[in-house]
Amino acid sequence: MKGKKRSKETKRKISLANRGRKHTEEARRKMSEAHKGKVSPFKGKKQSKEARRKMVESWKRNFSYRVGRIRSEESRRKMSDVAKKRKHSEETKRKMSEAHKASWKRKTWS
């Protein structure tokens, strides 16, 4: 950015003001056209070992709650109890039944 540097507080205010803002269809189309045909500046290069190590650490921090996490017996019991209390509505049960029947009709046996 040219000119005066923005303070952290100013950057925070701008960030909050722009939250939830969506680009118009015309703006999206223009951005799409501007980027078509350009080759990625990283094409043909490889990440350094240090960069890959940092990415792995980041993924472990940010995605461990979803993938392959080993939970304690107490956690598993609590989740099980909550799931047992949940009941499907009659409409949902009907939809699930129809989907299940349709999947069996699509099956072909050799």
PDB file of N, CA and C in Angstrom:
ATOM      1  N   MET A   1       0.840  -1.172   0.000  1.00  0.00           N
ATOM      2  CA  MET A   1       0.000   0.000   0.000  1.00  0.00           C
ATOM      3  C   MET A   1       0.890   1.241   0.000  1.00  0.00           C
ATOM      4  N   LYS A   2       0.551   2.216  -0.795  1.00  0.00           N
ATOM      5  CA  LYS A   2       1.317   3.455  -0.846  1.00  0.00           C
ATOM      6  C   LYS A   2       0.801   4.416   0.213  1.00  0.00           C
ATOM      7  N   GLY A   3       1.653   5.351   0.621  1.00  0.00           N
ATOM      8  CA  GLY A   3       1.210   6.379   1.558  1.00  0.00           C
ATOM      9  C   GLY A   3       1.348   5.950   2.999  1.00  0.00           C
ATOM     10  N   LYS A   4       0.468   6.531   3.828  1.00  0.00           N
ATOM     11  CA  LYS A   4       0.528   6.325   5.272  1.00  0.00           C
ATOM     12  C   LYS A   4       0.151   4.894   5.661  1.00  0.00           C
ATOM     13  N   LYS A   5       0.874   4.338   6.619  1.00  0.00           N
ATOM     14  CA  LYS A   5       0.568   2.997   7.107  1.00  0.00           C
ATOM     15  C   LYS A   5      -0.645   3.069   8.025  1.00  0.00           C
ATOM     16  N   ARG A   6      -1.523   2.072   7.936  1.00  0.00           N
ATOM     17  CA  ARG A   6      -2.705   2.048   8.792  1.00  0.00           C
ATOM     18  C   ARG A   6      -2.374   1.384  10.123  1.00  0.00           C
ATOM     19  N   SER A   7      -2.982   1.909  11.173  1.00  0.00           N
ATOM     20  CA  SER A   7      -2.750   1.326  12.497  1.00  0.00           C
ATOM     21  C   SER A   7      -3.546   0.036  12.618  1.00  0.00           C
ATOM     22  N   LYS A   8      -3.216  -0.775  13.620  1.00  0.00           N
ATOM     23  CA  LYS A   8      -3.941  -2.025  13.847  1.00  0.00           C
ATOM     24  C   LYS A   8      -5.406  -1.743  14.133  1.00  0.00           C
ATOM     25  N   GLU A   9      -5.680  -0.669  14.879  1.00  0.00           N
ATOM     26  CA  GLU A   9      -7.063  -0.318  15.213  1.00  0.00           C
ATOM     27  C   GLU A   9      -7.854   0.044  13.953  1.00  0.00           C
ATOM     28  N   THR A  10      -7.226   0.810  13.053  1.00  0.00           N
ATOM     29  CA  THR A  10      -7.887   1.192  11.801  1.00  0.00           C
ATOM     30  C   THR A  10      -8.167  -0.040  10.950  1.00  0.00           C
ATOM     31  N   LYS A  11      -7.181  -0.942  10.881  1.00  0.00           N
ATOM     32  CA  LYS A  11      -7.360  -2.174  10.108  1.00  0.00           C
ATOM     33  C   LYS A  11      -8.507  -3.005  10.676  1.00  0.00           C
ATOM     34  N   ARG A  12      -8.591  -3.055  12.029  1.00  0.00           N
ATOM     35  CA  ARG A  12      -9.659  -3.808  12.678  1.00  0.00           C
ATOM     36  C   ARG A  12     -11.028  -3.211  12.343  1.00  0.00           C
ATOM     37  N   LYS A  13     -11.130  -1.879  12.371  1.00  0.00           N
ATOM     38  CA  LYS A  13     -12.398  -1.203  12.058  1.00  0.00           C
ATOM     39  C   LYS A  13     -12.821  -1.468  10.613  1.00  0.00           C
ATOM     40  N   ILE A  14     -11.870  -1.401   9.694  1.00  0.00           N
ATOM     41  CA  ILE A  14     -12.166  -1.678   8.281  1.00  0.00           C
ATOM     42  C   ILE A  14     -12.624  -3.115   8.119  1.00  0.00           C
ATOM     43  N   SER A  15     -11.945  -4.026   8.801  1.00  0.00           N
ATOM     44  CA  SER A  15     -12.305  -5.439   8.734  1.00  0.00           C
ATOM     45  C   SER A  15     -13.731  -5.655   9.219  1.00  0.00           C
ATOM     46  N   LEU A  16     -14.079  -5.040  10.360  1.00  0.00           N
ATOM     47  CA  LEU A  16     -15.440  -5.187  10.903  1.00  0.00           C
ATOM     48  C   LEU A  16     -16.483  -4.578   9.969  1.00  0.00           C
ATOM     49  N   ALA A  17     -16.158  -3.442   9.349  1.00  0.00           N
ATOM     50  CA  ALA A  17     -17.102  -2.780   8.445  1.00  0.00           C
ATOM     51  C   ALA A  17     -17.377  -3.621   7.202  1.00  0.00           C
ATOM     52  N   ASN A  18     -16.376  -4.392   6.765  1.00  0.00           N
ATOM     53  CA  ASN A  18     -16.529  -5.190   5.543  1.00  0.00           C
ATOM     54  C   ASN A  18     -17.046  -6.596   5.787  1.00  0.00           C
ATOM     55  N   ARG A  19     -17.226  -6.982   7.052  1.00  0.00           N
ATOM     56  CA  ARG A  19     -17.716  -8.333   7.365  1.00  0.00           C
ATOM     57  C   ARG A  19     -19.071  -8.582   6.740  1.00  0.00           C
ATOM     58  N   GLY A  20     -19.214  -9.732   6.103  1.00  0.00           N
ATOM     59  CA  GLY A  20     -20.500 -10.118   5.530  1.00  0.00           C
ATOM     60  C   GLY A  20     -20.809  -9.455   4.201  1.00  0.00           C
ATOM     61  N   ARG A  21     -19.948  -8.587   3.743  1.00  0.00           N
ATOM     62  CA  ARG A  21     -20.171  -7.890   2.477  1.00  0.00           C
ATOM     63  C   ARG A  21     -19.967  -8.858   1.319  1.00  0.00           C
ATOM     64  N   LYS A  22     -20.851  -8.808   0.342  1.00  0.00           N
ATOM     65  CA  LYS A  22     -20.752  -9.713  -0.794  1.00  0.00           C
ATOM     66  C   LYS A  22     -20.531  -8.912  -2.072  1.00  0.00           C
ATOM     67  N   HIS A  23     -19.736  -9.466  -2.976  1.00  0.00           N
ATOM     68  CA  HIS A  23     -19.524  -8.818  -4.268  1.00  0.00           C
ATOM     69  C   HIS A  23     -20.762  -8.982  -5.134  1.00  0.00           C
ATOM     70  N   THR A  24     -21.022  -7.986  -5.979  1.00  0.00           N
ATOM     71  CA  THR A  24     -22.155  -8.085  -6.904  1.00  0.00           C
ATOM     72  C   THR A  24     -21.801  -9.088  -7.996  1.00  0.00           C
ATOM     73  N   GLU A  25     -22.817  -9.550  -8.724  1.00  0.00           N
ATOM     74  CA  GLU A  25     -22.577 -10.498  -9.822  1.00  0.00           C
ATOM     75  C   GLU A  25     -21.657  -9.873 -10.864  1.00  0.00           C
ATOM     76  N   GLU A  26     -21.847  -8.579 -11.140  1.00  0.00           N
ATOM     77  CA  GLU A  26     -21.012  -7.910 -12.138  1.00  0.00           C
ATOM     78  C   GLU A  26     -19.552  -7.878 -11.677  1.00  0.00           C
ATOM     79  N   ALA A  27     -19.333  -7.564 -10.400  1.00  0.00           N
ATOM     80  CA  ALA A  27     -17.972  -7.525  -9.878  1.00  0.00           C
ATOM     81  C   ALA A  27     -17.334  -8.908  -9.932  1.00  0.00           C
ATOM     82  N   ARG A  28     -18.122  -9.923  -9.602  1.00  0.00           N
ATOM     83  CA  ARG A  28     -17.600 -11.297  -9.652  1.00  0.00           C
ATOM     84  C   ARG A  28     -17.231 -11.686 -11.086  1.00  0.00           C
ATOM     85  N   ARG A  29     -18.071 -11.284 -12.043  1.00  0.00           N
ATOM     86  CA  ARG A  29     -17.795 -11.592 -13.449  1.00  0.00           C
ATOM     87  C   ARG A  29     -16.510 -10.904 -13.893  1.00  0.00           C
ATOM     88  N   LYS A  30     -16.338  -9.623 -13.511  1.00  0.00           N
ATOM     89  CA  LYS A  30     -15.132  -8.885 -13.887  1.00  0.00           C
ATOM     90  C   LYS A  30     -13.881  -9.527 -13.291  1.00  0.00           C
ATOM     91  N   MET A  31     -13.950  -9.941 -12.011  1.00  0.00           N
ATOM     92  CA  MET A  31     -12.795 -10.589 -11.379  1.00  0.00           C
ATOM     93  C   MET A  31     -12.476 -11.897 -12.081  1.00  0.00           C
ATOM     94  N   SER A  32     -13.510 -12.625 -12.459  1.00  0.00           N
ATOM     95  CA  SER A  32     -13.318 -13.895 -13.145  1.00  0.00           C
ATOM     96  C   SER A  32     -12.604 -13.676 -14.480  1.00  0.00           C
ATOM     97  N   GLU A  33     -13.088 -12.695 -15.239  1.00  0.00           N
ATOM     98  CA  GLU A  33     -12.475 -12.399 -16.540  1.00  0.00           C
ATOM     99  C   GLU A  33     -11.025 -11.942 -16.371  1.00  0.00           C
ATOM    100  N   ALA A  34     -10.757 -11.143 -15.353  1.00  0.00           N
ATOM    101  CA  ALA A  34      -9.409 -10.615 -15.136  1.00  0.00           C
ATOM    102  C   ALA A  34      -8.413 -11.725 -14.821  1.00  0.00           C
ATOM    103  N   HIS A  35      -8.890 -12.801 -14.198  1.00  0.00           N
ATOM    104  CA  HIS A  35      -7.971 -13.867 -13.793  1.00  0.00           C
ATOM    105  C   HIS A  35      -7.870 -15.016 -14.794  1.00  0.00           C
ATOM    106  N   LYS A  36      -8.735 -15.037 -15.783  1.00  0.00           N
ATOM    107  CA  LYS A  36      -8.699 -16.138 -16.741  1.00  0.00           C
ATOM    108  C   LYS A  36      -7.438 -16.075 -17.598  1.00  0.00           C
ATOM    109  N   GLY A  37      -6.844 -17.239 -17.803  1.00  0.00           N
ATOM    110  CA  GLY A  37      -5.678 -17.325 -18.662  1.00  0.00           C
ATOM    111  C   GLY A  37      -4.369 -17.052 -17.946  1.00  0.00           C
ATOM    112  N   LYS A  38      -4.425 -16.586 -16.707  1.00  0.00           N
ATOM    113  CA  LYS A  38      -3.190 -16.329 -15.966  1.00  0.00           C
ATOM    114  C   LYS A  38      -2.690 -17.619 -15.325  1.00  0.00           C
ATOM    115  N   VAL A  39      -1.397 -17.803 -15.363  1.00  0.00           N
ATOM    116  CA  VAL A  39      -0.787 -18.979 -14.755  1.00  0.00           C
ATOM    117  C   VAL A  39      -0.414 -18.615 -13.323  1.00  0.00           C
ATOM    118  N   SER A  40      -0.630 -19.532 -12.430  1.00  0.00           N
ATOM    119  CA  SER A  40      -0.295 -19.292 -11.023  1.00  0.00           C
ATOM    120  C   SER A  40       1.190 -19.000 -10.882  1.00  0.00           C
ATOM    121  N   PRO A  41       1.545 -17.979 -10.100  1.00  0.00           N
ATOM    122  CA  PRO A  41       2.964 -17.666  -9.933  1.00  0.00           C
ATOM    123  C   PRO A  41       3.734 -18.773  -9.204  1.00  0.00           C
ATOM    124  N   PHE A  42       3.035 -19.675  -8.542  1.00  0.00           N
ATOM    125  CA  PHE A  42       3.697 -20.750  -7.816  1.00  0.00           C
ATOM    126  C   PHE A  42       3.832 -22.018  -8.661  1.00  0.00           C
ATOM    127  N   LYS A  43       3.287 -21.997  -9.880  1.00  0.00           N
ATOM    128  CA  LYS A  43       3.318 -23.189 -10.726  1.00  0.00           C
ATOM    129  C   LYS A  43       4.764 -23.633 -10.993  1.00  0.00           C
ATOM    130  N   GLY A  44       4.990 -24.929 -10.820  1.00  0.00           N
ATOM    131  CA  GLY A  44       6.308 -25.494 -11.082  1.00  0.00           C
ATOM    132  C   GLY A  44       7.264 -25.413  -9.903  1.00  0.00           C
ATOM    133  N   LYS A  45       6.848 -24.741  -8.827  1.00  0.00           N
ATOM    134  CA  LYS A  45       7.717 -24.623  -7.656  1.00  0.00           C
ATOM    135  C   LYS A  45       7.245 -25.595  -6.578  1.00  0.00           C
ATOM    136  N   LYS A  46       8.092 -25.837  -5.601  1.00  0.00           N
ATOM    137  CA  LYS A  46       7.726 -26.712  -4.500  1.00  0.00           C
ATOM    138  C   LYS A  46       7.878 -25.957  -3.193  1.00  0.00           C
ATOM    139  N   GLN A  47       7.039 -26.329  -2.223  1.00  0.00           N
ATOM    140  CA  GLN A  47       7.148 -25.734  -0.893  1.00  0.00           C
ATOM    141  C   GLN A  47       8.437 -26.220  -0.239  1.00  0.00           C
ATOM    142  N   SER A  48       9.050 -25.361   0.559  1.00  0.00           N
ATOM    143  CA  SER A  48      10.243 -25.764   1.290  1.00  0.00           C
ATOM    144  C   SER A  48       9.831 -26.712   2.416  1.00  0.00           C
ATOM    145  N   LYS A  49      10.797 -27.438   2.936  1.00  0.00           N
ATOM    146  CA  LYS A  49      10.502 -28.373   4.036  1.00  0.00           C
ATOM    147  C   LYS A  49       9.950 -27.615   5.241  1.00  0.00           C
ATOM    148  N   GLU A  50      10.496 -26.447   5.495  1.00  0.00           N
ATOM    149  CA  GLU A  50      10.035 -25.639   6.628  1.00  0.00           C
ATOM    150  C   GLU A  50       8.574 -25.206   6.411  1.00  0.00           C
ATOM    151  N   ALA A  51       8.241 -24.785   5.199  1.00  0.00           N
ATOM    152  CA  ALA A  51       6.877 -24.355   4.904  1.00  0.00           C
ATOM    153  C   ALA A  51       5.907 -25.526   5.038  1.00  0.00           C
ATOM    154  N   ARG A  52       6.319 -26.702   4.561  1.00  0.00           N
ATOM    155  CA  ARG A  52       5.457 -27.887   4.679  1.00  0.00           C
ATOM    156  C   ARG A  52       5.248 -28.264   6.133  1.00  0.00           C
ATOM    157  N   ARG A  53       6.317 -28.161   6.943  1.00  0.00           N
ATOM    158  CA  ARG A  53       6.196 -28.477   8.367  1.00  0.00           C
ATOM    159  C   ARG A  53       5.202 -27.532   9.041  1.00  0.00           C
ATOM    160  N   LYS A  54       5.276 -26.236   8.696  1.00  0.00           N
ATOM    161  CA  LYS A  54       4.354 -25.253   9.274  1.00  0.00           C
ATOM    162  C   LYS A  54       2.914 -25.548   8.864  1.00  0.00           C
ATOM    163  N   MET A  55       2.716 -25.947   7.598  1.00  0.00           N
ATOM    164  CA  MET A  55       1.357 -26.261   7.138  1.00  0.00           C
ATOM    165  C   MET A  55       0.797 -27.460   7.884  1.00  0.00           C
ATOM    166  N   VAL A  56       1.621 -28.473   8.089  1.00  0.00           N
ATOM    167  CA  VAL A  56       1.172 -29.665   8.809  1.00  0.00           C
ATOM    168  C   VAL A  56       0.767 -29.296  10.228  1.00  0.00           C
ATOM    169  N   GLU A  57       1.584 -28.472  10.891  1.00  0.00           N
ATOM    170  CA  GLU A  57       1.255 -28.041  12.259  1.00  0.00           C
ATOM    171  C   GLU A  57      -0.055 -27.280  12.285  1.00  0.00           C
ATOM    172  N   SER A  58      -0.248 -26.420  11.302  1.00  0.00           N
ATOM    173  CA  SER A  58      -1.484 -25.632  11.219  1.00  0.00           C
ATOM    174  C   SER A  58      -2.687 -26.545  11.020  1.00  0.00           C
ATOM    175  N   TRP A  59      -2.551 -27.519  10.127  1.00  0.00           N
ATOM    176  CA  TRP A  59      -3.658 -28.447   9.870  1.00  0.00           C
ATOM    177  C   TRP A  59      -3.989 -29.250  11.119  1.00  0.00           C
ATOM    178  N   LYS A  60      -2.954 -29.638  11.854  1.00  0.00           N
ATOM    179  CA  LYS A  60      -3.186 -30.406  13.079  1.00  0.00           C
ATOM    180  C   LYS A  60      -3.966 -29.573  14.091  1.00  0.00           C
ATOM    181  N   ARG A  61      -3.607 -28.298  14.198  1.00  0.00           N
ATOM    182  CA  ARG A  61      -4.305 -27.420  15.136  1.00  0.00           C
ATOM    183  C   ARG A  61      -5.743 -27.154  14.698  1.00  0.00           C
ATOM    184  N   ASN A  62      -5.936 -26.903  13.418  1.00  0.00           N
ATOM    185  CA  ASN A  62      -7.237 -26.428  12.946  1.00  0.00           C
ATOM    186  C   ASN A  62      -8.219 -27.524  12.578  1.00  0.00           C
ATOM    187  N   PHE A  63      -7.773 -28.718  12.254  1.00  0.00           N
ATOM    188  CA  PHE A  63      -8.689 -29.741  11.770  1.00  0.00           C
ATOM    189  C   PHE A  63      -8.745 -30.983  12.640  1.00  0.00           C
ATOM    190  N   SER A  64      -7.993 -31.004  13.728  1.00  0.00           N
ATOM    191  CA  SER A  64      -7.945 -32.215  14.549  1.00  0.00           C
ATOM    192  C   SER A  64      -9.279 -32.514  15.193  1.00  0.00           C
ATOM    193  N   TYR A  65     -10.118 -31.488  15.393  1.00  0.00           N
ATOM    194  CA  TYR A  65     -11.400 -31.733  16.032  1.00  0.00           C
ATOM    195  C   TYR A  65     -12.346 -32.512  15.134  1.00  0.00           C
ATOM    196  N   ARG A  66     -12.051 -32.589  13.843  1.00  0.00           N
ATOM    197  CA  ARG A  66     -12.947 -33.276  12.923  1.00  0.00           C
ATOM    198  C   ARG A  66     -12.435 -34.639  12.488  1.00  0.00           C
ATOM    199  N   VAL A  67     -11.134 -34.760  12.324  1.00  0.00           N
ATOM    200  CA  VAL A  67     -10.591 -35.934  11.669  1.00  0.00           C
ATOM    201  C   VAL A  67      -9.751 -36.772  12.621  1.00  0.00           C
ATOM    202  N   GLY A  68     -10.129 -38.008  12.811  1.00  0.00           N
ATOM    203  CA  GLY A  68      -9.289 -38.964  13.515  1.00  0.00           C
ATOM    204  C   GLY A  68      -8.992 -38.656  14.965  1.00  0.00           C
ATOM    205  N   ARG A  69      -9.829 -37.893  15.589  1.00  0.00           N
ATOM    206  CA  ARG A  69      -9.557 -37.543  16.983  1.00  0.00           C
ATOM    207  C   ARG A  69      -9.926 -38.709  17.892  1.00  0.00           C
ATOM    208  N   ILE A  70      -9.089 -38.991  18.855  1.00  0.00           N
ATOM    209  CA  ILE A  70      -9.375 -40.054  19.816  1.00  0.00           C
ATOM    210  C   ILE A  70     -10.031 -39.407  21.023  1.00  0.00           C
ATOM    211  N   ARG A  71     -11.263 -39.792  21.292  1.00  0.00           N
ATOM    212  CA  ARG A  71     -12.019 -39.196  22.388  1.00  0.00           C
ATOM    213  C   ARG A  71     -12.020 -40.109  23.603  1.00  0.00           C
ATOM    214  N   SER A  72     -12.179 -39.500  24.767  1.00  0.00           N
ATOM    215  CA  SER A  72     -12.219 -40.271  26.002  1.00  0.00           C
ATOM    216  C   SER A  72     -13.553 -41.020  26.080  1.00  0.00           C
ATOM    217  N   GLU A  73     -13.589 -42.025  26.941  1.00  0.00           N
ATOM    218  CA  GLU A  73     -14.825 -42.801  27.135  1.00  0.00           C
ATOM    219  C   GLU A  73     -15.955 -41.895  27.607  1.00  0.00           C
ATOM    220  N   GLU A  74     -15.629 -40.949  28.460  1.00  0.00           N
ATOM    221  CA  GLU A  74     -16.653 -40.032  28.969  1.00  0.00           C
ATOM    222  C   GLU A  74     -17.250 -39.190  27.845  1.00  0.00           C
ATOM    223  N   SER A  75     -16.398 -38.662  26.951  1.00  0.00           N
ATOM    224  CA  SER A  75     -16.879 -37.874  25.823  1.00  0.00           C
ATOM    225  C   SER A  75     -17.772 -38.712  24.929  1.00  0.00           C
ATOM    226  N   ARG A  76     -17.330 -39.926  24.654  1.00  0.00           N
ATOM    227  CA  ARG A  76     -18.110 -40.804  23.783  1.00  0.00           C
ATOM    228  C   ARG A  76     -19.465 -41.121  24.397  1.00  0.00           C
ATOM    229  N   ARG A  77     -19.491 -41.343  25.717  1.00  0.00           N
ATOM    230  CA  ARG A  77     -20.748 -41.633  26.403  1.00  0.00           C
ATOM    231  C   ARG A  77     -21.691 -40.433  26.340  1.00  0.00           C
ATOM    232  N   LYS A  78     -21.160 -39.226  26.556  1.00  0.00           N
ATOM    233  CA  LYS A  78     -21.977 -38.017  26.501  1.00  0.00           C
ATOM    234  C   LYS A  78     -22.577 -37.823  25.107  1.00  0.00           C
ATOM    235  N   MET A  79     -21.751 -38.004  24.064  1.00  0.00           N
ATOM    236  CA  MET A  79     -22.246 -37.839  22.690  1.00  0.00           C
ATOM    237  C   MET A  79     -23.311 -38.883  22.386  1.00  0.00           C
ATOM    238  N   SER A  80     -23.114 -40.090  22.876  1.00  0.00           N
ATOM    239  CA  SER A  80     -24.080 -41.161  22.666  1.00  0.00           C
ATOM    240  C   SER A  80     -25.410 -40.823  23.331  1.00  0.00           C
ATOM    241  N   ASP A  81     -25.345 -40.308  24.563  1.00  0.00           N
ATOM    242  CA  ASP A  81     -26.569 -39.941  25.279  1.00  0.00           C
ATOM    243  C   ASP A  81     -27.347 -38.865  24.544  1.00  0.00           C
ATOM    244  N   VAL A  82     -26.647 -37.872  24.029  1.00  0.00           N
ATOM    245  CA  VAL A  82     -27.304 -36.797  23.288  1.00  0.00           C
ATOM    246  C   VAL A  82     -27.949 -37.347  22.018  1.00  0.00           C
ATOM    247  N   ALA A  83     -27.233 -38.215  21.316  1.00  0.00           N
ATOM    248  CA  ALA A  83     -27.753 -38.773  20.068  1.00  0.00           C
ATOM    249  C   ALA A  83     -28.997 -39.625  20.323  1.00  0.00           C
ATOM    250  N   LYS A  84     -29.036 -40.318  21.454  1.00  0.00           N
ATOM    251  CA  LYS A  84     -30.190 -41.167  21.763  1.00  0.00           C
ATOM    252  C   LYS A  84     -31.435 -40.342  22.042  1.00  0.00           C
ATOM    253  N   LYS A  85     -31.274 -39.123  22.522  1.00  0.00           N
ATOM    254  CA  LYS A  85     -32.413 -38.258  22.827  1.00  0.00           C
ATOM    255  C   LYS A  85     -33.015 -37.641  21.572  1.00  0.00           C
ATOM    256  N   ARG A  86     -32.216 -37.538  20.518  1.00  0.00           N
ATOM    257  CA  ARG A  86     -32.694 -36.931  19.275  1.00  0.00           C
ATOM    258  C   ARG A  86     -33.677 -37.848  18.572  1.00  0.00           C
ATOM    259  N   LYS A  87     -34.808 -37.295  18.134  1.00  0.00           N
ATOM    260  CA  LYS A  87     -35.806 -38.090  17.422  1.00  0.00           C
ATOM    261  C   LYS A  87     -36.067 -37.473  16.055  1.00  0.00           C
ATOM    262  N   HIS A  88     -36.194 -38.323  15.039  1.00  0.00           N
ATOM    263  CA  HIS A  88     -36.536 -37.833  13.700  1.00  0.00           C
ATOM    264  C   HIS A  88     -38.024 -37.549  13.626  1.00  0.00           C
ATOM    265  N   SER A  89     -38.384 -36.488  12.873  1.00  0.00           N
ATOM    266  CA  SER A  89     -39.797 -36.181  12.681  1.00  0.00           C
ATOM    267  C   SER A  89     -40.393 -37.223  11.719  1.00  0.00           C
ATOM    268  N   GLU A  90     -41.718 -37.283  11.695  1.00  0.00           N
ATOM    269  CA  GLU A  90     -42.389 -38.241  10.804  1.00  0.00           C
ATOM    270  C   GLU A  90     -42.041 -37.953   9.349  1.00  0.00           C
ATOM    271  N   GLU A  91     -41.959 -36.675   8.995  1.00  0.00           N
ATOM    272  CA  GLU A  91     -41.619 -36.306   7.612  1.00  0.00           C
ATOM    273  C   GLU A  91     -40.213 -36.796   7.264  1.00  0.00           C
ATOM    274  N   THR A  92     -39.277 -36.604   8.189  1.00  0.00           N
ATOM    275  CA  THR A  92     -37.907 -37.045   7.954  1.00  0.00           C
ATOM    276  C   THR A  92     -37.837 -38.561   7.814  1.00  0.00           C
ATOM    277  N   LYS A  93     -38.579 -39.268   8.654  1.00  0.00           N
ATOM    278  CA  LYS A  93     -38.608 -40.729   8.568  1.00  0.00           C
ATOM    279  C   LYS A  93     -39.138 -41.173   7.209  1.00  0.00           C
ATOM    280  N   ARG A  94     -40.185 -40.497   6.726  1.00  0.00           N
ATOM    281  CA  ARG A  94     -40.767 -40.838   5.419  1.00  0.00           C
ATOM    282  C   ARG A  94     -39.735 -40.608   4.309  1.00  0.00           C
ATOM    283  N   LYS A  95     -39.058 -39.470   4.348  1.00  0.00           N
ATOM    284  CA  LYS A  95     -38.051 -39.154   3.334  1.00  0.00           C
ATOM    285  C   LYS A  95     -36.909 -40.174   3.352  1.00  0.00           C
ATOM    286  N   MET A  96     -36.458 -40.550   4.559  1.00  0.00           N
ATOM    287  CA  MET A  96     -35.386 -41.539   4.677  1.00  0.00           C
ATOM    288  C   MET A  96     -35.827 -42.876   4.101  1.00  0.00           C
ATOM    289  N   SER A  97     -37.085 -43.242   4.370  1.00  0.00           N
ATOM    290  CA  SER A  97     -37.616 -44.501   3.867  1.00  0.00           C
ATOM    291  C   SER A  97     -37.656 -44.502   2.341  1.00  0.00           C
ATOM    292  N   GLU A  98     -38.149 -43.405   1.768  1.00  0.00           N
ATOM    293  CA  GLU A  98     -38.220 -43.300   0.304  1.00  0.00           C
ATOM    294  C   GLU A  98     -36.826 -43.368  -0.320  1.00  0.00           C
ATOM    295  N   ALA A  99     -35.875 -42.672   0.274  1.00  0.00           N
ATOM    296  CA  ALA A  99     -34.510 -42.669  -0.259  1.00  0.00           C
ATOM    297  C   ALA A  99     -33.912 -44.070  -0.195  1.00  0.00           C
ATOM    298  N   HIS A 100     -34.174 -44.774   0.904  1.00  0.00           N
ATOM    299  CA  HIS A 100     -33.642 -46.124   1.074  1.00  0.00           C
ATOM    300  C   HIS A 100     -34.248 -47.081   0.041  1.00  0.00           C
ATOM    301  N   LYS A 101     -35.567 -46.980  -0.159  1.00  0.00           N
ATOM    302  CA  LYS A 101     -36.230 -47.831  -1.152  1.00  0.00           C
ATOM    303  C   LYS A 101     -35.711 -47.540  -2.553  1.00  0.00           C
ATOM    304  N   ALA A 102     -35.513 -46.253  -2.859  1.00  0.00           N
ATOM    305  CA  ALA A 102     -35.024 -45.866  -4.187  1.00  0.00           C
ATOM    306  C   ALA A 102     -33.612 -46.411  -4.416  1.00  0.00           C
ATOM    307  N   SER A 103     -32.782 -46.422  -3.368  1.00  0.00           N
ATOM    308  CA  SER A 103     -31.415 -46.922  -3.542  1.00  0.00           C
ATOM    309  C   SER A 103     -31.428 -48.413  -3.857  1.00  0.00           C
ATOM    310  N   TRP A 104     -32.380 -49.155  -3.276  1.00  0.00           N
ATOM    311  CA  TRP A 104     -32.468 -50.582  -3.569  1.00  0.00           C
ATOM    312  C   TRP A 104     -32.964 -50.822  -4.987  1.00  0.00           C
ATOM    313  N   LYS A 105     -33.821 -49.935  -5.505  1.00  0.00           N
ATOM    314  CA  LYS A 105     -34.305 -50.089  -6.884  1.00  0.00           C
ATOM    315  C   LYS A 105     -33.196 -49.854  -7.885  1.00  0.00           C
ATOM    316  N   ARG A 106     -32.243 -48.978  -7.542  1.00  0.00           N
ATOM    317  CA  ARG A 106     -31.132 -48.659  -8.452  1.00  0.00           C
ATOM    318  C   ARG A 106     -30.086 -49.758  -8.500  1.00  0.00           C
ATOM    319  N   LYS A 107     -30.022 -50.612  -7.512  1.00  0.00           N
ATOM    320  CA  LYS A 107     -29.008 -51.663  -7.450  1.00  0.00           C
ATOM    321  C   LYS A 107     -29.183 -52.644  -8.619  1.00  0.00           C
ATOM    322  N   THR A 108     -28.066 -53.027  -9.173  1.00  0.00           N
ATOM    323  CA  THR A 108     -28.108 -54.063 -10.223  1.00  0.00           C
ATOM    324  C   THR A 108     -27.243 -55.222  -9.749  1.00  0.00           C
ATOM    325  N   TRP A 109     -27.736 -56.396  -9.913  1.00  0.00           N
ATOM    326  CA  TRP A 109     -27.008 -57.591  -9.463  1.00  0.00           C
ATOM    327  C   TRP A 109     -26.497 -58.336 -10.686  1.00  0.00           C
ATOM    328  N   SER A 110     -25.253 -58.769 -10.637  1.00  0.00           N
ATOM    329  CA  SER A 110     -24.707 -59.488 -11.790  1.00  0.00           C
ATOM    330  C   SER A 110     -24.819 -60.969 -11.648  1.00  0.00           C
TER     331      SER A 110
END
